[in-house]
Amino acid sequence: MNEFCVLVVDDEDEFREMTSKILTKRGLIVMSAESGEKALEILEHKRIDVVLLDVKMPGMDGIETLRQIRSLKPLVEVLLLTGHASVESGIEGMKLGAFDYLMKPIETDPLLEKLEEAYEKKRLHQEKIDQALLKKHMSMPL
């Protein structure tokens, strides 16, 4: 598995801490936030590749957080976590540019697979941008 940075955003302390521990043991760099506001603060100052974002949170919910992530860091991929009652929110999130949505509770292997897929998508987008910038730079007259 590639080493990349995941931000776990969930207001449930136990879920957030357990998920962070599991992902860290699997070789990922993991940060966590208990709210959408805290997640945006972290995104402004740290290099994050993929956000694992709960939809149902007090204050700024996952959908609003996703909107703000899209404008702040458009290349960061977002995986939404939904409960059975909020599948509609997951679909709405997909329309707003989320990579995918997963139902809670989620097993470790499918979660790791989705995180890896999301990271790969982000990595390829970044690579294309870097190549285009390099090409542009190389074609500039001295």
Protein backbone atom coordinates (compact mmCIF):
# COMPACT_ATOMS: atom_id res chain seq x y z
CA MET A 1 0.00 0.00 0.00
CA ASN A 2 1.21 3.50 -0.83
CA GLU A 3 1.93 5.79 2.10
CA PHE A 4 -0.41 8.77 2.02
CA CYS A 5 -2.15 11.06 4.48
CA VAL A 6 -5.76 10.54 5.54
CA LEU A 7 -7.81 12.96 7.62
CA VAL A 8 -10.53 11.15 9.62
CA VAL A 9 -13.38 13.54 10.46
CA ASP A 10 -16.07 12.26 12.83
CA ASP A 11 -17.70 13.68 15.95
CA GLU A 12 -17.84 10.20 17.57
CA ASP A 13 -14.58 9.99 19.54
CA GLU A 14 -14.51 6.19 19.76
CA PHE A 15 -15.06 5.68 16.00
CA ARG A 16 -12.54 8.38 15.07
CA GLU A 17 -9.84 7.04 17.40
CA MET A 18 -10.37 3.37 16.46
CA THR A 19 -10.35 4.14 12.71
CA SER A 20 -7.22 6.28 13.09
CA LYS A 21 -5.41 3.46 14.95
CA ILE A 22 -6.38 0.85 12.35
CA LEU A 23 -5.26 3.04 9.43
CA THR A 24 -1.99 3.92 11.17
CA LYS A 25 -1.26 0.23 11.77
CA ARG A 26 -1.79 -0.34 8.04
CA GLY A 27 0.95 2.17 7.21
CA LEU A 28 -1.01 5.33 6.51
CA ILE A 29 -0.29 8.77 7.91
CA VAL A 30 -3.43 9.69 9.83
CA MET A 31 -4.73 12.92 11.30
CA SER A 32 -8.13 13.37 12.87
CA ALA A 33 -10.70 16.05 13.54
CA GLU A 34 -13.88 16.04 15.58
CA SER A 35 -15.72 18.63 13.44
CA GLY A 36 -15.94 20.10 9.97
CA GLU A 37 -14.47 23.36 11.22
CA LYS A 38 -11.43 21.60 12.69
CA ALA A 39 -10.99 19.59 9.48
CA LEU A 40 -10.86 22.77 7.39
CA GLU A 41 -8.30 24.25 9.77
CA ILE A 42 -6.09 21.17 9.37
CA LEU A 43 -6.51 21.20 5.58
CA GLU A 44 -5.25 24.78 5.44
CA HIS A 45 -1.98 23.89 7.18
CA LYS A 46 -1.22 20.23 6.39
CA ARG A 47 -0.82 18.13 3.25
CA ILE A 48 -3.82 15.81 3.21
CA ASP A 49 -4.49 13.39 0.36
CA VAL A 50 -7.85 11.84 1.31
CA VAL A 51 -10.52 12.88 3.80
CA LEU A 52 -12.76 10.27 5.44
CA LEU A 53 -15.73 12.45 6.39
CA ASP A 54 -18.83 11.64 8.45
CA VAL A 55 -22.00 13.17 7.01
CA LYS A 56 -23.92 13.54 10.29
CA MET A 57 -22.14 15.91 12.65
CA PRO A 58 -23.37 18.74 14.85
CA GLY A 59 -22.55 22.25 13.65
CA MET A 60 -21.09 22.08 10.17
CA ASP A 61 -22.29 18.77 8.72
CA GLY A 62 -20.34 16.63 6.28
CA ILE A 63 -22.05 18.00 3.18
CA GLU A 64 -21.18 21.61 4.04
CA THR A 65 -17.66 20.54 4.99
CA LEU A 66 -17.35 18.80 1.60
CA ARG A 67 -18.44 22.00 -0.18
CA GLN A 68 -15.76 23.96 1.63
CA ILE A 69 -13.08 21.32 1.03
CA ARG A 70 -13.88 21.44 -2.70
CA SER A 71 -13.25 25.20 -2.80
CA LEU A 72 -10.24 25.15 -0.45
CA LYS A 73 -8.41 22.04 -1.75
CA PRO A 74 -10.03 20.80 -4.98
CA LEU A 75 -7.56 17.93 -5.49
CA VAL A 76 -8.18 16.34 -2.09
CA GLU A 77 -10.44 13.32 -2.47
CA VAL A 78 -13.29 12.88 0.01
CA LEU A 79 -14.92 9.62 1.10
CA LEU A 80 -18.19 10.18 2.91
CA LEU A 81 -19.37 7.98 5.78
CA THR A 82 -23.13 7.62 6.09
CA GLY A 83 -25.52 5.75 8.32
CA HIS A 84 -28.49 3.90 6.87
CA ALA A 85 -30.76 6.91 7.43
CA SER A 86 -28.55 9.27 5.43
CA VAL A 87 -27.99 7.49 2.10
CA GLU A 88 -29.53 10.53 0.39
CA SER A 89 -26.75 12.64 1.88
CA GLY A 90 -24.19 10.26 0.42
CA ILE A 91 -25.74 10.65 -3.02
CA GLU A 92 -25.86 14.44 -2.61
CA GLY A 93 -22.19 14.33 -1.65
CA MET A 94 -21.35 12.42 -4.83
CA LYS A 95 -23.03 15.18 -6.84
CA LEU A 96 -20.81 17.69 -5.02
CA GLY A 97 -17.66 15.80 -5.96
CA ALA A 98 -17.11 13.22 -3.23
CA PHE A 99 -15.07 10.24 -4.45
CA ASP A 100 -17.58 7.79 -2.97
CA TYR A 101 -19.69 7.13 0.10
CA LEU A 102 -19.50 4.21 2.50
CA MET A 103 -22.05 2.88 4.96
CA LYS A 104 -21.20 2.74 8.66
CA PRO A 105 -20.09 0.44 10.14
CA ILE A 106 -17.40 -0.35 7.57
CA GLU A 107 -14.98 -3.26 7.57
CA THR A 108 -11.26 -2.50 7.39
CA ASP A 109 -10.36 -4.08 4.05
CA PRO A 110 -13.10 -2.40 1.96
CA LEU A 111 -12.26 0.91 3.66
CA LEU A 112 -8.56 0.55 2.85
CA GLU A 113 -9.41 -0.35 -0.74
CA LYS A 114 -11.55 2.78 -1.19
CA LEU A 115 -8.94 5.00 0.46
CA GLU A 116 -6.27 3.60 -1.87
CA GLU A 117 -8.50 4.18 -4.94
CA ALA A 118 -9.21 7.76 -3.83
CA TYR A 119 -5.51 8.42 -3.25
CA GLU A 120 -4.61 7.01 -6.66
CA LYS A 121 -7.15 9.32 -8.33
CA LYS A 122 -5.70 12.33 -6.49
CA ARG A 123 -2.13 11.28 -7.32
CA LEU A 124 -2.92 10.95 -11.04
CA HIS A 125 -4.62 14.38 -11.13
CA GLN A 126 -1.63 15.96 -9.40
CA GLU A 127 0.76 14.22 -11.79
CA LYS A 128 -1.14 15.58 -14.83
CA ILE A 129 -1.05 19.10 -13.40
CA ASP A 130 2.67 18.83 -12.64
CA GLN A 131 3.40 17.57 -16.17
CA ALA A 132 1.37 20.40 -17.73
CA LEU A 133 3.20 22.99 -15.62
CA LEU A 134 6.58 21.49 -16.50
CA LYS A 135 5.68 21.44 -20.20
CA LYS A 136 4.58 25.07 -20.02
CA HIS A 137 7.74 26.05 -18.15
CA MET A 138 9.97 24.21 -20.66
CA SER A 139 8.33 25.94 -23.63
CA MET A 140 8.94 29.46 -22.24
CA PRO A 141 11.69 31.39 -23.99
CA LEU A 142 14.83 32.14 -21.99
